[in-house]
PDB file of N, CA and C in Angstrom:
ATOM      1  N   MET A   1     -36.999 -29.268 -44.262  1.00  0.00           N
ATOM      2  CA  MET A   1     -38.261 -28.878 -43.702  1.00  0.00           C
ATOM      3  C   MET A   1     -38.228 -28.914 -42.184  1.00  0.00           C
ATOM      4  N   TYR A   2     -37.737 -30.035 -41.612  1.00  0.00           N
ATOM      5  CA  TYR A   2     -37.685 -30.143 -40.164  1.00  0.00           C
ATOM      6  C   TYR A   2     -36.706 -29.142 -39.566  1.00  0.00           C
ATOM      7  N   GLN A   3     -35.594 -28.890 -40.267  1.00  0.00           N
ATOM      8  CA  GLN A   3     -34.604 -27.946 -39.761  1.00  0.00           C
ATOM      9  C   GLN A   3     -35.197 -26.542 -39.655  1.00  0.00           C
ATOM     10  N   ALA A   4     -36.004 -26.150 -40.634  1.00  0.00           N
ATOM     11  CA  ALA A   4     -36.623 -24.827 -40.596  1.00  0.00           C
ATOM     12  C   ALA A   4     -37.547 -24.716 -39.384  1.00  0.00           C
ATOM     13  N   ARG A   5     -38.331 -25.733 -39.103  1.00  0.00           N
ATOM     14  CA  ARG A   5     -39.218 -25.710 -37.942  1.00  0.00           C
ATOM     15  C   ARG A   5     -38.414 -25.656 -36.648  1.00  0.00           C
ATOM     16  N   TYR A   6     -37.355 -26.461 -36.572  1.00  0.00           N
ATOM     17  CA  TYR A   6     -36.512 -26.473 -35.382  1.00  0.00           C
ATOM     18  C   TYR A   6     -35.911 -25.092 -35.153  1.00  0.00           C
ATOM     19  N   ASP A   7     -35.415 -24.470 -36.213  1.00  0.00           N
ATOM     20  CA  ASP A   7     -34.844 -23.130 -36.092  1.00  0.00           C
ATOM     21  C   ASP A   7     -35.885 -22.131 -35.608  1.00  0.00           C
ATOM     22  N   ASP A   8     -37.115 -22.246 -36.114  1.00  0.00           N
ATOM     23  CA  ASP A   8     -38.194 -21.362 -35.674  1.00  0.00           C
ATOM     24  C   ASP A   8     -38.488 -21.565 -34.191  1.00  0.00           C
ATOM     25  N   ILE A   9     -38.547 -22.830 -33.772  1.00  0.00           N
ATOM     26  CA  ILE A   9     -38.831 -23.138 -32.364  1.00  0.00           C
ATOM     27  C   ILE A   9     -37.718 -22.612 -31.475  1.00  0.00           C
ATOM     28  N   MET A  10     -36.480 -22.830 -31.878  1.00  0.00           N
ATOM     29  CA  MET A  10     -35.349 -22.363 -31.069  1.00  0.00           C
ATOM     30  C   MET A  10     -35.330 -20.842 -31.002  1.00  0.00           C
ATOM     31  N   SER A  11     -35.596 -20.194 -32.123  1.00  0.00           N
ATOM     32  CA  SER A  11     -35.640 -18.730 -32.147  1.00  0.00           C
ATOM     33  C   SER A  11     -36.770 -18.229 -31.273  1.00  0.00           C
ATOM     34  N   ASP A  12     -37.936 -18.849 -31.390  1.00  0.00           N
ATOM     35  CA  ASP A  12     -39.079 -18.472 -30.572  1.00  0.00           C
ATOM     36  C   ASP A  12     -38.780 -18.724 -29.100  1.00  0.00           C
ATOM     37  N   GLY A  13     -38.100 -19.828 -28.801  1.00  0.00           N
ATOM     38  CA  GLY A  13     -37.747 -20.140 -27.422  1.00  0.00           C
ATOM     39  C   GLY A  13     -36.834 -19.085 -26.831  1.00  0.00           C
ATOM     40  N   ALA A  14     -35.872 -18.609 -27.597  1.00  0.00           N
ATOM     41  CA  ALA A  14     -34.959 -17.570 -27.116  1.00  0.00           C
ATOM     42  C   ALA A  14     -35.718 -16.256 -26.911  1.00  0.00           C
ATOM     43  N   ASP A  15     -36.619 -15.949 -27.831  1.00  0.00           N
ATOM     44  CA  ASP A  15     -37.416 -14.724 -27.688  1.00  0.00           C
ATOM     45  C   ASP A  15     -38.308 -14.801 -26.456  1.00  0.00           C
ATOM     46  N   ASN A  16     -38.927 -15.969 -26.245  1.00  0.00           N
ATOM     47  CA  ASN A  16     -39.777 -16.152 -25.065  1.00  0.00           C
ATOM     48  C   ASN A  16     -38.962 -16.063 -23.783  1.00  0.00           C
ATOM     49  N   ALA A  17     -37.767 -16.626 -23.787  1.00  0.00           N
ATOM     50  CA  ALA A  17     -36.905 -16.573 -22.604  1.00  0.00           C
ATOM     51  C   ALA A  17     -36.532 -15.131 -22.282  1.00  0.00           C
ATOM     52  N   LYS A  18     -36.200 -14.358 -23.291  1.00  0.00           N
ATOM     53  CA  LYS A  18     -35.857 -12.945 -23.068  1.00  0.00           C
ATOM     54  C   LYS A  18     -37.055 -12.168 -22.537  1.00  0.00           C
ATOM     55  N   GLU A  19     -38.229 -12.483 -23.061  1.00  0.00           N
ATOM     56  CA  GLU A  19     -39.437 -11.803 -22.582  1.00  0.00           C
ATOM     57  C   GLU A  19     -39.721 -12.170 -21.120  1.00  0.00           C
ATOM     58  N   ARG A  20     -39.510 -13.421 -20.761  1.00  0.00           N
ATOM     59  CA  ARG A  20     -39.685 -13.827 -19.359  1.00  0.00           C
ATOM     60  C   ARG A  20     -38.682 -13.113 -18.468  1.00  0.00           C
ATOM     61  N   GLU A  21     -37.436 -13.011 -18.942  1.00  0.00           N
ATOM     62  CA  GLU A  21     -36.419 -12.288 -18.163  1.00  0.00           C
ATOM     63  C   GLU A  21     -36.820 -10.833 -17.977  1.00  0.00           C
ATOM     64  N   ARG A  22     -37.256 -10.186 -19.042  1.00  0.00           N
ATOM     65  CA  ARG A  22     -37.711  -8.790 -18.944  1.00  0.00           C
ATOM     66  C   ARG A  22     -38.857  -8.662 -17.948  1.00  0.00           C
ATOM     67  N   SER A  23     -39.770  -9.594 -18.016  1.00  0.00           N
ATOM     68  CA  SER A  23     -40.925  -9.580 -17.119  1.00  0.00           C
ATOM     69  C   SER A  23     -40.489  -9.710 -15.656  1.00  0.00           C
ATOM     70  N   LEU A  24     -39.532 -10.578 -15.392  1.00  0.00           N
ATOM     71  CA  LEU A  24     -39.028 -10.741 -14.017  1.00  0.00           C
ATOM     72  C   LEU A  24     -38.310  -9.481 -13.548  1.00  0.00           C
ATOM     73  N   PHE A  25     -37.521  -8.883 -14.417  1.00  0.00           N
ATOM     74  CA  PHE A  25     -36.858  -7.623 -14.052  1.00  0.00           C
ATOM     75  C   PHE A  25     -37.892  -6.519 -13.826  1.00  0.00           C
ATOM     76  N   ASP A  26     -38.936  -6.479 -14.660  1.00  0.00           N
ATOM     77  CA  ASP A  26     -40.014  -5.502 -14.456  1.00  0.00           C
ATOM     78  C   ASP A  26     -40.670  -5.692 -13.091  1.00  0.00           C
ATOM     79  N   GLN A  27     -40.944  -6.946 -12.750  1.00  0.00           N
ATOM     80  CA  GLN A  27     -41.556  -7.249 -11.450  1.00  0.00           C
ATOM     81  C   GLN A  27     -40.651  -6.784 -10.311  1.00  0.00           C
ATOM     82  N   SER A  28     -39.375  -7.052 -10.431  1.00  0.00           N
ATOM     83  CA  SER A  28     -38.410  -6.637  -9.413  1.00  0.00           C
ATOM     84  C   SER A  28     -38.401  -5.122  -9.263  1.00  0.00           C
ATOM     85  N   ILE A  29     -38.336  -4.426 -10.376  1.00  0.00           N
ATOM     86  CA  ILE A  29     -38.308  -2.957 -10.361  1.00  0.00           C
ATOM     87  C   ILE A  29     -39.569  -2.404  -9.706  1.00  0.00           C
ATOM     88  N   MET A  30     -40.711  -2.949 -10.094  1.00  0.00           N
ATOM     89  CA  MET A  30     -41.974  -2.486  -9.527  1.00  0.00           C
ATOM     90  C   MET A  30     -41.990  -2.697  -7.999  1.00  0.00           C
ATOM     91  N   MET A  31     -41.557  -3.859  -7.550  1.00  0.00           N
ATOM     92  CA  MET A  31     -41.556  -4.148  -6.119  1.00  0.00           C
ATOM     93  C   MET A  31     -40.588  -3.231  -5.365  1.00  0.00           C
ATOM     94  N   LEU A  32     -39.427  -2.988  -5.951  1.00  0.00           N
ATOM     95  CA  LEU A  32     -38.442  -2.108  -5.318  1.00  0.00           C
ATOM     96  C   LEU A  32     -38.962  -0.675  -5.244  1.00  0.00           C
ATOM     97  N   GLU A  33     -39.625  -0.227  -6.302  1.00  0.00           N
ATOM     98  CA  GLU A  33     -40.190   1.129  -6.302  1.00  0.00           C
ATOM     99  C   GLU A  33     -41.273   1.267  -5.236  1.00  0.00           C
ATOM    100  N   GLU A  34     -42.125   0.267  -5.111  1.00  0.00           N
ATOM    101  CA  GLU A  34     -43.174   0.306  -4.087  1.00  0.00           C
ATOM    102  C   GLU A  34     -42.567   0.330  -2.683  1.00  0.00           C
ATOM    103  N   ALA A  35     -41.531  -0.471  -2.476  1.00  0.00           N
ATOM    104  CA  ALA A  35     -40.868  -0.499  -1.171  1.00  0.00           C
ATOM    105  C   ALA A  35     -40.210   0.844  -0.867  1.00  0.00           C
ATOM    106  N   ARG A  36     -39.549   1.408  -1.858  1.00  0.00           N
ATOM    107  CA  ARG A  36     -38.923   2.721  -1.702  1.00  0.00           C
ATOM    108  C   ARG A  36     -39.958   3.784  -1.366  1.00  0.00           C
ATOM    109  N   ASP A  37     -41.066   3.771  -2.095  1.00  0.00           N
ATOM    110  CA  ASP A  37     -42.101   4.778  -1.903  1.00  0.00           C
ATOM    111  C   ASP A  37     -42.797   4.640  -0.551  1.00  0.00           C
ATOM    112  N   GLU A  38     -42.886   3.420  -0.061  1.00  0.00           N
ATOM    113  CA  GLU A  38     -43.504   3.205   1.251  1.00  0.00           C
ATOM    114  C   GLU A  38     -42.594   3.721   2.367  1.00  0.00           C
ATOM    115  N   GLY A  39     -41.295   3.651   2.123  1.00  0.00           N
ATOM    116  CA  GLY A  39     -40.327   4.179   3.086  1.00  0.00           C
ATOM    117  C   GLY A  39     -40.065   3.239   4.240  1.00  0.00           C
ATOM    118  N   GLY A  40     -38.947   3.459   4.871  1.00  0.00           N
ATOM    119  CA  GLY A  40     -38.590   2.660   6.035  1.00  0.00           C
ATOM    120  C   GLY A  40     -38.402   1.197   5.702  1.00  0.00           C
ATOM    121  N   TYR A  41     -38.593   0.382   6.693  1.00  0.00           N
ATOM    122  CA  TYR A  41     -38.411  -1.060   6.561  1.00  0.00           C
ATOM    123  C   TYR A  41     -39.787  -1.690   6.697  1.00  0.00           C
ATOM    124  N   SER A  42     -40.338  -2.140   5.576  1.00  0.00           N
ATOM    125  CA  SER A  42     -41.712  -2.592   5.534  1.00  0.00           C
ATOM    126  C   SER A  42     -41.794  -4.010   4.983  1.00  0.00           C
ATOM    127  N   TYR A  43     -42.992  -4.549   5.039  1.00  0.00           N
ATOM    128  CA  TYR A  43     -43.249  -5.852   4.440  1.00  0.00           C
ATOM    129  C   TYR A  43     -42.958  -5.817   2.941  1.00  0.00           C
ATOM    130  N   LYS A  44     -43.364  -4.737   2.283  1.00  0.00           N
ATOM    131  CA  LYS A  44     -43.082  -4.605   0.846  1.00  0.00           C
ATOM    132  C   LYS A  44     -41.581  -4.595   0.590  1.00  0.00           C
ATOM    133  N   GLY A  45     -40.843  -3.977   1.493  1.00  0.00           N
ATOM    134  CA  GLY A  45     -39.392  -3.967   1.364  1.00  0.00           C
ATOM    135  C   GLY A  45     -38.804  -5.362   1.475  1.00  0.00           C
ATOM    136  N   ILE A  46     -39.295  -6.126   2.429  1.00  0.00           N
ATOM    137  CA  ILE A  46     -38.815  -7.501   2.606  1.00  0.00           C
ATOM    138  C   ILE A  46     -39.119  -8.330   1.369  1.00  0.00           C
ATOM    139  N   GLU A  47     -40.350  -8.223   0.871  1.00  0.00           N
ATOM    140  CA  GLU A  47     -40.722  -8.956  -0.345  1.00  0.00           C
ATOM    141  C   GLU A  47     -39.847  -8.561  -1.530  1.00  0.00           C
ATOM    142  N   ALA A  48     -39.624  -7.270  -1.691  1.00  0.00           N
ATOM    143  CA  ALA A  48     -38.822  -6.777  -2.813  1.00  0.00           C
ATOM    144  C   ALA A  48     -37.386  -7.276  -2.727  1.00  0.00           C
ATOM    145  N   VAL A  49     -36.827  -7.229  -1.517  1.00  0.00           N
ATOM    146  CA  VAL A  49     -35.447  -7.685  -1.335  1.00  0.00           C
ATOM    147  C   VAL A  49     -35.335  -9.181  -1.611  1.00  0.00           C
ATOM    148  N   LEU A  50     -36.266  -9.973  -1.097  1.00  0.00           N
ATOM    149  CA  LEU A  50     -36.206 -11.423  -1.316  1.00  0.00           C
ATOM    150  C   LEU A  50     -36.387 -11.776  -2.794  1.00  0.00           C
ATOM    151  N   PHE A  51     -37.368 -11.165  -3.443  1.00  0.00           N
ATOM    152  CA  PHE A  51     -37.613 -11.445  -4.853  1.00  0.00           C
ATOM    153  C   PHE A  51     -36.402 -11.062  -5.699  1.00  0.00           C
ATOM    154  N   THR A  52     -35.895  -9.866  -5.476  1.00  0.00           N
ATOM    155  CA  THR A  52     -34.778  -9.367  -6.273  1.00  0.00           C
ATOM    156  C   THR A  52     -33.502 -10.161  -6.000  1.00  0.00           C
ATOM    157  N   SER A  53     -33.297 -10.561  -4.750  1.00  0.00           N
ATOM    158  CA  SER A  53     -32.134 -11.395  -4.425  1.00  0.00           C
ATOM    159  C   SER A  53     -32.200 -12.725  -5.162  1.00  0.00           C
ATOM    160  N   ARG A  54     -33.351 -13.370  -5.131  1.00  0.00           N
ATOM    161  CA  ARG A  54     -33.499 -14.648  -5.842  1.00  0.00           C
ATOM    162  C   ARG A  54     -33.290 -14.474  -7.335  1.00  0.00           C
ATOM    163  N   LEU A  55     -33.844 -13.408  -7.883  1.00  0.00           N
ATOM    164  CA  LEU A  55     -33.682 -13.149  -9.309  1.00  0.00           C
ATOM    165  C   LEU A  55     -32.203 -13.016  -9.672  1.00  0.00           C
ATOM    166  N   TRP A  56     -31.486 -12.186  -8.909  1.00  0.00           N
ATOM    167  CA  TRP A  56     -30.073 -11.973  -9.238  1.00  0.00           C
ATOM    168  C   TRP A  56     -29.222 -13.199  -8.949  1.00  0.00           C
ATOM    169  N   MET A  57     -29.594 -14.012  -7.973  1.00  0.00           N
ATOM    170  CA  MET A  57     -28.849 -15.259  -7.748  1.00  0.00           C
ATOM    171  C   MET A  57     -29.007 -16.193  -8.946  1.00  0.00           C
ATOM    172  N   LEU A  58     -30.217 -16.252  -9.495  1.00  0.00           N
ATOM    173  CA  LEU A  58     -30.441 -17.072 -10.690  1.00  0.00           C
ATOM    174  C   LEU A  58     -29.670 -16.521 -11.888  1.00  0.00           C
ATOM    175  N   VAL A  59     -29.662 -15.206 -12.031  1.00  0.00           N
ATOM    176  CA  VAL A  59     -28.927 -14.584 -13.131  1.00  0.00           C
ATOM    177  C   VAL A  59     -27.429 -14.897 -13.005  1.00  0.00           C
ATOM    178  N   ILE A  60     -26.902 -14.747 -11.810  1.00  0.00           N
ATOM    179  CA  ILE A  60     -25.472 -15.030 -11.590  1.00  0.00           C
ATOM    180  C   ILE A  60     -25.159 -16.495 -11.868  1.00  0.00           C
ATOM    181  N   GLU A  61     -26.044 -17.379 -11.401  1.00  0.00           N
ATOM    182  CA  GLU A  61     -25.844 -18.810 -11.651  1.00  0.00           C
ATOM    183  C   GLU A  61     -25.827 -19.105 -13.141  1.00  0.00           C
ATOM    184  N   ASP A  62     -26.758 -18.518 -13.874  1.00  0.00           N
ATOM    185  CA  ASP A  62     -26.810 -18.722 -15.315  1.00  0.00           C
ATOM    186  C   ASP A  62     -25.559 -18.167 -15.995  1.00  0.00           C
ATOM    187  N   LEU A  63     -25.124 -16.986 -15.566  1.00  0.00           N
ATOM    188  CA  LEU A  63     -23.926 -16.382 -16.159  1.00  0.00           C
ATOM    189  C   LEU A  63     -22.674 -17.205 -15.878  1.00  0.00           C
ATOM    190  N   GLY A  64     -22.665 -17.916 -14.761  1.00  0.00           N
ATOM    191  CA  GLY A  64     -21.506 -18.736 -14.407  1.00  0.00           C
ATOM    192  C   GLY A  64     -21.472 -20.082 -15.110  1.00  0.00           C
ATOM    193  N   SER A  65     -22.550 -20.410 -15.796  1.00  0.00           N
ATOM    194  CA  SER A  65     -22.631 -21.695 -16.488  1.00  0.00           C
ATOM    195  C   SER A  65     -21.799 -21.670 -17.768  1.00  0.00           C
ATOM    196  N   PRO A  66     -21.034 -22.730 -17.999  1.00  0.00           N
ATOM    197  CA  PRO A  66     -20.270 -22.804 -19.254  1.00  0.00           C
ATOM    198  C   PRO A  66     -21.177 -22.807 -20.491  1.00  0.00           C
ATOM    199  N   ALA A  67     -22.443 -23.185 -20.318  1.00  0.00           N
ATOM    200  CA  ALA A  67     -23.372 -23.228 -21.446  1.00  0.00           C
ATOM    201  C   ALA A  67     -23.872 -21.840 -21.831  1.00  0.00           C
ATOM    202  N   ASN A  68     -23.627 -20.841 -20.994  1.00  0.00           N
ATOM    203  CA  ASN A  68     -24.066 -19.489 -21.306  1.00  0.00           C
ATOM    204  C   ASN A  68     -23.291 -18.989 -22.521  1.00  0.00           C
ATOM    205  N   GLY A  69     -24.012 -18.458 -23.499  1.00  0.00           N
ATOM    206  CA  GLY A  69     -23.389 -18.074 -24.765  1.00  0.00           C
ATOM    207  C   GLY A  69     -22.792 -16.683 -24.823  1.00  0.00           C
ATOM    208  N   LEU A  70     -22.904 -15.922 -23.742  1.00  0.00           N
ATOM    209  CA  LEU A  70     -22.335 -14.565 -23.754  1.00  0.00           C
ATOM    210  C   LEU A  70     -20.807 -14.624 -23.700  1.00  0.00           C
ATOM    211  N   PRO A  71     -20.143 -13.605 -24.216  1.00  0.00           N
ATOM    212  CA  PRO A  71     -18.679 -13.553 -24.129  1.00  0.00           C
ATOM    213  C   PRO A  71     -18.233 -13.540 -22.659  1.00  0.00           C
ATOM    214  N   PRO A  72     -17.121 -14.192 -22.367  1.00  0.00           N
ATOM    215  CA  PRO A  72     -16.655 -14.297 -20.978  1.00  0.00           C
ATOM    216  C   PRO A  72     -16.489 -12.949 -20.262  1.00  0.00           C
ATOM    217  N   GLU A  73     -16.013 -11.931 -20.973  1.00  0.00           N
ATOM    218  CA  GLU A  73     -15.805 -10.618 -20.346  1.00  0.00           C
ATOM    219  C   GLU A  73     -17.141 -10.000 -19.917  1.00  0.00           C
ATOM    220  N   LEU A  74     -18.146 -10.126 -20.781  1.00  0.00           N
ATOM    221  CA  LEU A  74     -19.473  -9.607 -20.462  1.00  0.00           C
ATOM    222  C   LEU A  74     -20.080 -10.375 -19.300  1.00  0.00           C
ATOM    223  N   ARG A  75     -19.934 -11.686 -19.325  1.00  0.00           N
ATOM    224  CA  ARG A  75     -20.451 -12.506 -18.222  1.00  0.00           C
ATOM    225  C   ARG A  75     -19.809 -12.095 -16.905  1.00  0.00           C
ATOM    226  N   ALA A  76     -18.501 -11.892 -16.911  1.00  0.00           N
ATOM    227  CA  ALA A  76     -17.795 -11.497 -15.689  1.00  0.00           C
ATOM    228  C   ALA A  76     -18.286 -10.140 -15.190  1.00  0.00           C
ATOM    229  N   SER A  77     -18.492  -9.211 -16.101  1.00  0.00           N
ATOM    230  CA  SER A  77     -18.990  -7.885 -15.713  1.00  0.00           C
ATOM    231  C   SER A  77     -20.383  -7.974 -15.110  1.00  0.00           C
ATOM    232  N   LEU A  78     -21.249  -8.758 -15.734  1.00  0.00           N
ATOM    233  CA  LEU A  78     -22.610  -8.904 -15.222  1.00  0.00           C
ATOM    234  C   LEU A  78     -22.635  -9.620 -13.874  1.00  0.00           C
ATOM    235  N   ILE A  79     -21.750 -10.583 -13.700  1.00  0.00           N
ATOM    236  CA  ILE A  79     -21.648 -11.260 -12.398  1.00  0.00           C
ATOM    237  C   ILE A  79     -21.209 -10.264 -11.333  1.00  0.00           C
ATOM    238  N   SER A  80     -20.256  -9.403 -11.652  1.00  0.00           N
ATOM    239  CA  SER A  80     -19.815  -8.372 -10.700  1.00  0.00           C
ATOM    240  C   SER A  80     -20.956  -7.430 -10.337  1.00  0.00           C
ATOM    241  N   ILE A  81     -21.732  -7.049 -11.324  1.00  0.00           N
ATOM    242  CA  ILE A  81     -22.887  -6.187 -11.068  1.00  0.00           C
ATOM    243  C   ILE A  81     -23.880  -6.911 -10.160  1.00  0.00           C
ATOM    244  N   GLY A  82     -24.123  -8.178 -10.448  1.00  0.00           N
ATOM    245  CA  GLY A  82     -25.032  -8.968  -9.633  1.00  0.00           C
ATOM    246  C   GLY A  82     -24.573  -9.075  -8.193  1.00  0.00           C
ATOM    247  N   ILE A  83     -23.292  -9.264  -7.988  1.00  0.00           N
ATOM    248  CA  ILE A  83     -22.743  -9.346  -6.627  1.00  0.00           C
ATOM    249  C   ILE A  83     -22.914  -8.007  -5.914  1.00  0.00           C
ATOM    250  N   PHE A  84     -22.675  -6.915  -6.619  1.00  0.00           N
ATOM    251  CA  PHE A  84     -22.891  -5.592  -6.030  1.00  0.00           C
ATOM    252  C   PHE A  84     -24.343  -5.428  -5.589  1.00  0.00           C
ATOM    253  N   ILE A  85     -25.271  -5.813  -6.463  1.00  0.00           N
ATOM    254  CA  ILE A  85     -26.687  -5.691  -6.132  1.00  0.00           C
ATOM    255  C   ILE A  85     -27.038  -6.553  -4.927  1.00  0.00           C
ATOM    256  N   LEU A  86     -26.526  -7.768  -4.874  1.00  0.00           N
ATOM    257  CA  LEU A  86     -26.801  -8.637  -3.726  1.00  0.00           C
ATOM    258  C   LEU A  86     -26.279  -8.021  -2.428  1.00  0.00           C
ATOM    259  N   LYS A  87     -25.113  -7.379  -2.483  1.00  0.00           N
ATOM    260  CA  LYS A  87     -24.573  -6.712  -1.292  1.00  0.00           C
ATOM    261  C   LYS A  87     -25.455  -5.538  -0.870  1.00  0.00           C
ATOM    262  N   GLU A  88     -25.935  -4.779  -1.845  1.00  0.00           N
ATOM    263  CA  GLU A  88     -26.822  -3.653  -1.537  1.00  0.00           C
ATOM    264  C   GLU A  88     -28.145  -4.142  -0.960  1.00  0.00           C
ATOM    265  N   LEU A  89     -28.669  -5.221  -1.509  1.00  0.00           N
ATOM    266  CA  LEU A  89     -29.909  -5.793  -0.989  1.00  0.00           C
ATOM    267  C   LEU A  89     -29.723  -6.299   0.444  1.00  0.00           C
ATOM    268  N   GLU A  90     -28.581  -6.880   0.715  1.00  0.00           N
ATOM    269  CA  GLU A  90     -28.295  -7.351   2.067  1.00  0.00           C
ATOM    270  C   GLU A  90     -28.213  -6.183   3.045  1.00  0.00           C
ATOM    271  N   ALA A  91     -27.651  -5.072   2.614  1.00  0.00           N
ATOM    272  CA  ALA A  91     -27.597  -3.879   3.471  1.00  0.00           C
ATOM    273  C   ALA A  91     -29.008  -3.378   3.778  1.00  0.00           C
ATOM    274  N   ILE A  92     -29.879  -3.429   2.786  1.00  0.00           N
ATOM    275  CA  ILE A  92     -31.278  -3.038   3.025  1.00  0.00           C
ATOM    276  C   ILE A  92     -31.925  -4.021   3.986  1.00  0.00           C
ATOM    277  N   ARG A  93     -31.697  -5.313   3.756  1.00  0.00           N
ATOM    278  CA  ARG A  93     -32.290  -6.335   4.615  1.00  0.00           C
ATOM    279  C   ARG A  93     -31.862  -6.172   6.067  1.00  0.00           C
ATOM    280  N   GLN A  94     -30.613  -5.791   6.261  1.00  0.00           N
ATOM    281  CA  GLN A  94     -30.076  -5.610   7.609  1.00  0.00           C
ATOM    282  C   GLN A  94     -30.389  -4.228   8.184  1.00  0.00           C
ATOM    283  N   GLU A  95     -31.197  -3.470   7.467  1.00  0.00           N
ATOM    284  CA  GLU A  95     -31.607  -2.127   7.877  1.00  0.00           C
ATOM    285  C   GLU A  95     -30.429  -1.167   8.035  1.00  0.00           C
ATOM    286  N   LYS A  96     -29.411  -1.365   7.213  1.00  0.00           N
ATOM    287  CA  LYS A  96     -28.258  -0.472   7.188  1.00  0.00           C
ATOM    288  C   LYS A  96     -28.364   0.526   6.032  1.00  0.00           C
ATOM    289  N   SER A  97     -29.352   0.325   5.166  1.00  0.00           N
ATOM    290  CA  SER A  97     -29.512   1.168   3.990  1.00  0.00           C
ATOM    291  C   SER A  97     -30.978   1.184   3.569  1.00  0.00           C
ATOM    292  N   THR A  98     -31.345   2.230   2.861  1.00  0.00           N
ATOM    293  CA  THR A  98     -32.651   2.296   2.197  1.00  0.00           C
ATOM    294  C   THR A  98     -32.458   2.737   0.748  1.00  0.00           C
ATOM    295  N   ASP A  99     -31.288   2.483   0.205  1.00  0.00           N
ATOM    296  CA  ASP A  99     -30.948   2.931  -1.146  1.00  0.00           C
ATOM    297  C   ASP A  99     -31.492   1.966  -2.202  1.00  0.00           C
ATOM    298  N   TYR A 100     -32.786   2.064  -2.437  1.00  0.00           N
ATOM    299  CA  TYR A 100     -33.411   1.261  -3.481  1.00  0.00           C
ATOM    300  C   TYR A 100     -33.084   1.814  -4.864  1.00  0.00           C
ATOM    301  N   ASP A 101     -32.847   3.116  -4.945  1.00  0.00           N
ATOM    302  CA  ASP A 101     -32.684   3.757  -6.249  1.00  0.00           C
ATOM    303  C   ASP A 101     -31.523   3.195  -7.060  1.00  0.00           C
ATOM    304  N   SER A 102     -30.405   2.917  -6.421  1.00  0.00           N
ATOM    305  CA  SER A 102     -29.256   2.358  -7.158  1.00  0.00           C
ATOM    306  C   SER A 102     -29.609   1.006  -7.760  1.00  0.00           C
ATOM    307  N   ILE A 103     -30.268   0.174  -6.968  1.00  0.00           N
ATOM    308  CA  ILE A 103     -30.638  -1.159  -7.438  1.00  0.00           C
ATOM    309  C   ILE A 103     -31.659  -1.054  -8.563  1.00  0.00           C
ATOM    310  N   ILE A 104     -32.622  -0.173  -8.402  1.00  0.00           N
ATOM    311  CA  ILE A 104     -33.639   0.028  -9.433  1.00  0.00           C
ATOM    312  C   ILE A 104     -32.984   0.473 -10.734  1.00  0.00           C
ATOM    313  N   GLU A 105     -32.101   1.438 -10.660  1.00  0.00           N
ATOM    314  CA  GLU A 105     -31.473   1.985 -11.871  1.00  0.00           C
ATOM    315  C   GLU A 105     -30.612   0.937 -12.575  1.00  0.00           C
ATOM    316  N   ILE A 106     -29.846   0.192 -11.820  1.00  0.00           N
ATOM    317  CA  ILE A 106     -28.996  -0.849 -12.438  1.00  0.00           C
ATOM    318  C   ILE A 106     -29.862  -1.939 -13.055  1.00  0.00           C
ATOM    319  N   THR A 107     -30.875  -2.367 -12.324  1.00  0.00           N
ATOM    320  CA  THR A 107     -31.750  -3.425 -12.828  1.00  0.00           C
ATOM    321  C   THR A 107     -32.477  -2.951 -14.082  1.00  0.00           C
ATOM    322  N   ARG A 108     -32.904  -1.730 -14.101  1.00  0.00           N
ATOM    323  CA  ARG A 108     -33.571  -1.156 -15.288  1.00  0.00           C
ATOM    324  C   ARG A 108     -32.610  -1.159 -16.486  1.00  0.00           C
ATOM    325  N   THR A 109     -31.373  -0.782 -16.261  1.00  0.00           N
ATOM    326  CA  THR A 109     -30.378  -0.752 -17.331  1.00  0.00           C
ATOM    327  C   THR A 109     -30.141  -2.156 -17.896  1.00  0.00           C
ATOM    328  N   ILE A 110     -30.010  -3.138 -17.000  1.00  0.00           N
ATOM    329  CA  ILE A 110     -29.799  -4.523 -17.440  1.00  0.00           C
ATOM    330  C   ILE A 110     -31.026  -5.003 -18.225  1.00  0.00           C
ATOM    331  N   ARG A 111     -32.217  -4.737 -17.694  1.00  0.00           N
ATOM    332  CA  ARG A 111     -33.455  -5.132 -18.375  1.00  0.00           C
ATOM    333  C   ARG A 111     -33.524  -4.519 -19.765  1.00  0.00           C
ATOM    334  N   ASP A 112     -33.191  -3.254 -19.891  1.00  0.00           N
ATOM    335  CA  ASP A 112     -33.262  -2.583 -21.186  1.00  0.00           C
ATOM    336  C   ASP A 112     -32.248  -3.142 -22.182  1.00  0.00           C
ATOM    337  N   GLY A 113     -31.207  -3.763 -21.679  1.00  0.00           N
ATOM    338  CA  GLY A 113     -30.195  -4.354 -22.553  1.00  0.00           C
ATOM    339  C   GLY A 113     -30.566  -5.726 -23.079  1.00  0.00           C
ATOM    340  N   LEU A 114     -31.658  -6.297 -22.563  1.00  0.00           N
ATOM    341  CA  LEU A 114     -32.057  -7.637 -23.013  1.00  0.00           C
ATOM    342  C   LEU A 114     -32.604  -7.598 -24.421  1.00  0.00           C
TER     343      LEU A 114
END
């Protein structure tokens, strides 16, 4: 009896965690789209870059944890993608780029895979 409840809680916890992750990726995408649409280097752009950078740093940290249950090859690929996104965000932050679309598209793809 207790095992069934524990399994339900753990399953629900994983579902809730995935939904929170999707929600954070949605927030990032929305902020990046608003910054892109506003154009140039704006306050919305700064907010979007900071939020998305923090999100991807957390994702990379989680992927690097031995407790992460994903296969090592997938984790390595996702970490590489995260590093690419962080580099692109830094280029935007330094006003060397305004290419929000690449980051939006990659983040959308990752979100849809959750």
